[in-house]
Protein backbone atom coordinates (compact mmCIF):
# COMPACT_ATOMS: atom_id res chain seq x y z
CA MET A 1 41.39 -49.06 16.49
CA ILE A 2 40.61 -45.44 17.37
CA GLY A 3 37.02 -46.34 18.33
CA GLY A 4 38.29 -48.96 20.79
CA ILE A 5 40.76 -46.50 22.31
CA LEU A 6 38.10 -43.77 22.64
CA PHE A 7 35.73 -46.29 24.19
CA ALA A 8 38.37 -47.29 26.76
CA CYS A 9 39.14 -43.62 27.51
CA GLY A 10 35.45 -42.92 28.02
CA LEU A 11 35.19 -45.87 30.40
CA VAL A 12 38.19 -44.68 32.41
CA ALA A 13 36.82 -41.12 32.53
CA GLY A 14 33.44 -42.42 33.65
CA ALA A 15 35.02 -44.57 36.34
CA ALA A 16 37.10 -41.63 37.59
CA LEU A 17 34.06 -39.35 37.73
CA SER A 18 32.04 -42.06 39.44
CA GLU A 19 34.77 -42.46 42.08
CA SER A 20 34.94 -38.73 42.67
CA LEU A 21 31.19 -38.67 43.30
CA GLY A 22 31.52 -40.90 46.34
CA ARG A 23 31.53 -44.47 44.94
CA ARG A 24 27.76 -44.74 45.10
CA ALA A 25 25.43 -46.61 42.79
CA ALA A 26 24.20 -44.37 40.01
CA THR A 27 21.32 -44.86 37.66
CA THR A 28 20.55 -42.17 35.15
CA ALA A 29 17.04 -42.69 33.83
CA ALA A 30 17.60 -40.41 30.86
CA THR A 31 20.51 -42.48 29.55
CA GLY A 32 19.96 -45.91 31.02
CA LEU A 33 23.59 -45.89 32.22
CA THR A 34 23.87 -48.00 35.33
CA ALA A 35 26.90 -48.26 37.58
CA THR A 36 27.37 -50.18 40.77
CA PRO A 37 29.56 -49.09 43.67
CA THR A 38 33.03 -50.52 44.03
CA ASP A 39 34.75 -51.32 47.27
CA GLU A 40 38.38 -50.43 48.00
CA ALA A 41 39.53 -54.06 47.74
CA SER A 42 38.19 -54.50 44.21
CA ALA A 43 39.06 -51.04 42.85
CA PRO A 44 41.77 -51.30 40.18
CA SER A 45 44.98 -49.33 40.61
CA VAL A 46 45.31 -46.16 38.54
CA ALA A 47 48.79 -47.42 37.58
CA ALA A 48 47.26 -50.56 36.01
CA PRO A 49 46.89 -50.76 32.20
CA ILE A 50 43.62 -49.31 30.85
CA ALA A 51 42.23 -52.79 30.11
CA GLN A 52 42.55 -53.67 33.79
CA ARG A 53 41.03 -50.39 35.00
CA LEU A 54 37.74 -50.82 33.15
CA ASP A 55 34.84 -51.44 35.51
CA ARG A 56 33.42 -54.62 34.02
CA ARG A 57 30.24 -54.32 36.11
CA ILE A 58 28.87 -51.30 34.24
CA VAL A 59 26.19 -51.94 31.63
CA TYR A 60 26.34 -49.61 28.61
CA PRO A 61 23.35 -48.94 26.33
CA ALA A 62 24.17 -49.33 22.64
CA ASP A 63 22.60 -48.57 19.29
CA VAL A 64 23.50 -51.17 16.68
CA LEU A 65 24.92 -49.52 13.56
CA ARG A 66 25.51 -52.71 11.57
CA VAL A 67 26.15 -56.42 11.98
CA ILE A 68 29.55 -57.37 10.60
CA ASP A 69 29.35 -61.14 10.96
CA GLY A 70 28.00 -63.77 13.35
CA ASP A 71 30.12 -62.69 16.32
CA THR A 72 30.85 -58.98 15.71
CA PHE A 73 28.74 -55.87 15.33
CA GLU A 74 29.35 -52.14 15.22
CA ALA A 75 27.56 -50.00 17.77
CA ARG A 76 27.26 -46.49 19.13
CA VAL A 77 27.82 -47.06 22.84
CA ARG A 78 26.82 -44.54 25.52
CA VAL A 79 29.89 -44.55 27.79
CA TRP A 80 28.85 -41.49 29.78
CA PRO A 81 25.94 -39.01 29.53
CA GLY A 82 26.66 -36.97 26.41
CA LEU A 83 29.57 -39.21 25.37
CA ASP A 84 28.88 -41.82 22.71
CA VAL A 85 31.59 -43.91 21.08
CA ASP A 86 31.28 -45.85 17.84
CA THR A 87 33.13 -49.17 18.14
CA LYS A 88 33.09 -52.74 16.96
CA VAL A 89 31.91 -55.21 19.59
CA ARG A 90 33.08 -58.82 19.48
CA LEU A 91 30.78 -61.14 21.37
CA ARG A 92 32.66 -62.78 24.22
CA GLY A 93 32.94 -66.54 24.37
CA ILE A 94 31.87 -67.47 20.85
CA ASP A 95 33.26 -67.94 17.36
CA ALA A 96 31.09 -67.89 14.24
CA ALA A 97 32.06 -68.95 10.73
CA GLU A 98 33.80 -66.26 8.66
CA LEU A 99 32.22 -64.53 5.68
CA HIS A 100 35.66 -64.63 4.03
CA ALA A 101 35.08 -68.35 3.79
CA ARG A 102 37.50 -71.08 2.77
CA CYS A 103 34.71 -73.29 1.47
CA ALA A 104 31.02 -73.15 0.49
CA ASP A 105 29.94 -74.82 3.74
CA GLU A 106 31.68 -72.15 5.83
CA LEU A 107 30.08 -69.37 3.77
CA THR A 108 26.61 -70.89 4.28
CA LYS A 109 27.21 -71.12 8.05
CA ALA A 110 28.61 -67.57 8.17
CA GLN A 111 25.60 -66.12 6.37
CA ALA A 112 23.20 -67.97 8.69
CA ALA A 113 25.12 -66.75 11.77
CA ARG A 114 25.07 -63.15 10.57
CA ALA A 115 21.33 -63.32 9.86
CA ALA A 116 20.70 -64.83 13.30
CA LEU A 117 22.70 -62.10 15.03
CA GLU A 118 20.84 -59.41 13.04
CA THR A 119 17.52 -60.92 14.16
CA ILE A 120 18.54 -61.09 17.82
CA LEU A 121 19.94 -57.54 17.91
CA ALA A 122 16.81 -56.23 16.15
CA GLU A 123 14.87 -57.03 19.35
CA GLY A 124 16.05 -53.63 20.62
CA ASP A 125 17.29 -52.29 23.96
CA VAL A 126 20.80 -53.56 23.19
CA SER A 127 23.42 -53.17 25.90
CA VAL A 128 27.00 -54.31 26.37
CA SER A 129 28.69 -55.29 29.62
CA GLN A 130 31.86 -56.85 30.95
CA VAL A 131 33.69 -54.77 28.36
CA GLY A 132 37.34 -55.55 27.73
CA VAL A 133 39.90 -54.80 25.06
CA ASP A 134 39.87 -57.37 22.24
CA LYS A 135 43.15 -59.12 21.53
CA TYR A 136 43.27 -57.90 17.92
CA GLY A 137 42.70 -54.22 18.68
CA GLY A 138 40.23 -51.93 16.96
CA ARG A 139 37.28 -53.42 18.79
CA VAL A 140 36.12 -54.34 22.24
CA ASP A 141 35.26 -57.74 23.67
CA ALA A 142 31.97 -57.81 25.58
CA LEU A 143 28.77 -59.57 26.50
CA ALA A 144 25.64 -58.25 24.83
CA SER A 145 21.96 -58.40 25.71
CA THR A 146 18.71 -57.24 24.14
CA ARG A 147 15.15 -56.65 25.26
CA ASN A 148 14.33 -60.40 24.97
CA THR A 149 17.75 -62.05 25.08
CA ALA A 150 19.76 -61.79 28.29
CA ASP A 151 22.93 -63.29 26.75
CA VAL A 152 23.37 -62.96 22.99
CA SER A 153 26.46 -65.22 22.97
CA ALA A 154 24.53 -68.02 24.71
CA ALA A 155 21.64 -67.61 22.24
CA MET A 156 24.05 -67.93 19.31
CA LEU A 157 25.48 -71.11 20.85
CA ARG A 158 22.02 -72.58 21.56
CA GLY A 159 20.93 -71.88 17.99
CA GLY A 160 23.97 -73.64 16.55
CA TRP A 161 25.21 -70.46 14.78
CA ALA A 162 28.44 -70.31 16.77
CA ARG A 163 30.68 -72.45 18.93
CA ALA A 164 32.39 -71.79 22.22
CA TYR A 165 35.64 -69.87 21.98
CA ASP A 166 38.17 -69.18 24.73
CA GLY A 167 40.52 -66.86 22.87
CA GLY A 168 42.90 -69.55 21.64
CA ARG A 169 43.41 -70.97 18.19
CA ARG A 170 40.15 -71.32 16.26
CA ALA A 171 39.20 -74.50 14.49
CA GLY A 172 38.18 -74.43 10.83
CA TRP A 173 34.59 -74.55 9.62
CA CYS A 174 35.16 -76.57 6.46
CA GLY A 175 34.17 -80.20 6.60
């Protein structure tokens, strides 16, 4: 929970500093942090909740600390030069079987999904984008990419290790 809050605070601080520097595109070669300019019409109100103030166009470099399951991993995310935040990242748009399985079939699928996500993230150059606050708290909801995989969620879907998920009620994995 605290990691998610710190991550959001870092994003807001970064957005505020970026605005104060003239709303220009910034690329910092040393950190790989890339921001794009915002226009007045699309800039979120400071009075809006934090989740609505996050600039979803920024791509954040991340070091994977561990893979939790087939749709969640823990990462150290560079939210601003010199400011790293450890947080859990839930992959947007997918649902993988749970390791706390209700049946043997679900456990088998969960283990395969976790192994697949570990393999994909091991490609290196991991980054997260379109970051939002996850509905359960304690983690963020985001897209992830690696050196060889532009969309980790799509790769998990293509491989059959996950299914599409829109945030609603999840279906079971047992036969």
